[in-house]
């Protein structure tokens, strides 16, 4: 019954991500909060959760642009805290980028930015979850691996390695989601 959510950062750009109903969105926001609580120095789950909330509103063309929006306090606190770090650094003359203030970039010379690492993990989760959803629908794994390879630009061997590494978790997540949504 819910609206489809289009995610701009998804490697599966031409497909709807499975979180399309309000209860599924709620589950996803809970997962993002757990990720954030596990590492409060990483604001990426906060930005991702905010993107989902706003995308839900954008997808409803009838929503007035001046409407009030309910955003969980943990998201607002993190956004305000990062901005205060950014502002305080600027006021004291220190050079801190916006991404560093939120802990999503930087981290030392030669290190990959956290945002790159986290979005690669997110891509992998989406790839294996999509394969697991298709497996549940009776589609052969190899056909799904080929399809994900084409959609993501990854080689089939890369997609296969991602699937092998995370398949148990993905199959379990799909089973749990199916159980929660059907109850």
Foldseek 3Di string as FASTA:
>chain_A
DFAFFQDPLALQRVDTQPQGDPVSLVVLLVVLVVVCVVPVLACVSLVVNVSRQVSSVVRPPPRDPPDDGDDDPVSVVLVVQLVVQVVVCVVVVHDDDSCVSSQQADDDPPDGGNVVVVSVVVNLLRLLLVLLVVVVVVDDSLVSLVVSCVSNVNDSVVNVVSCVVCNVVSNVVVVVVVVVVVD
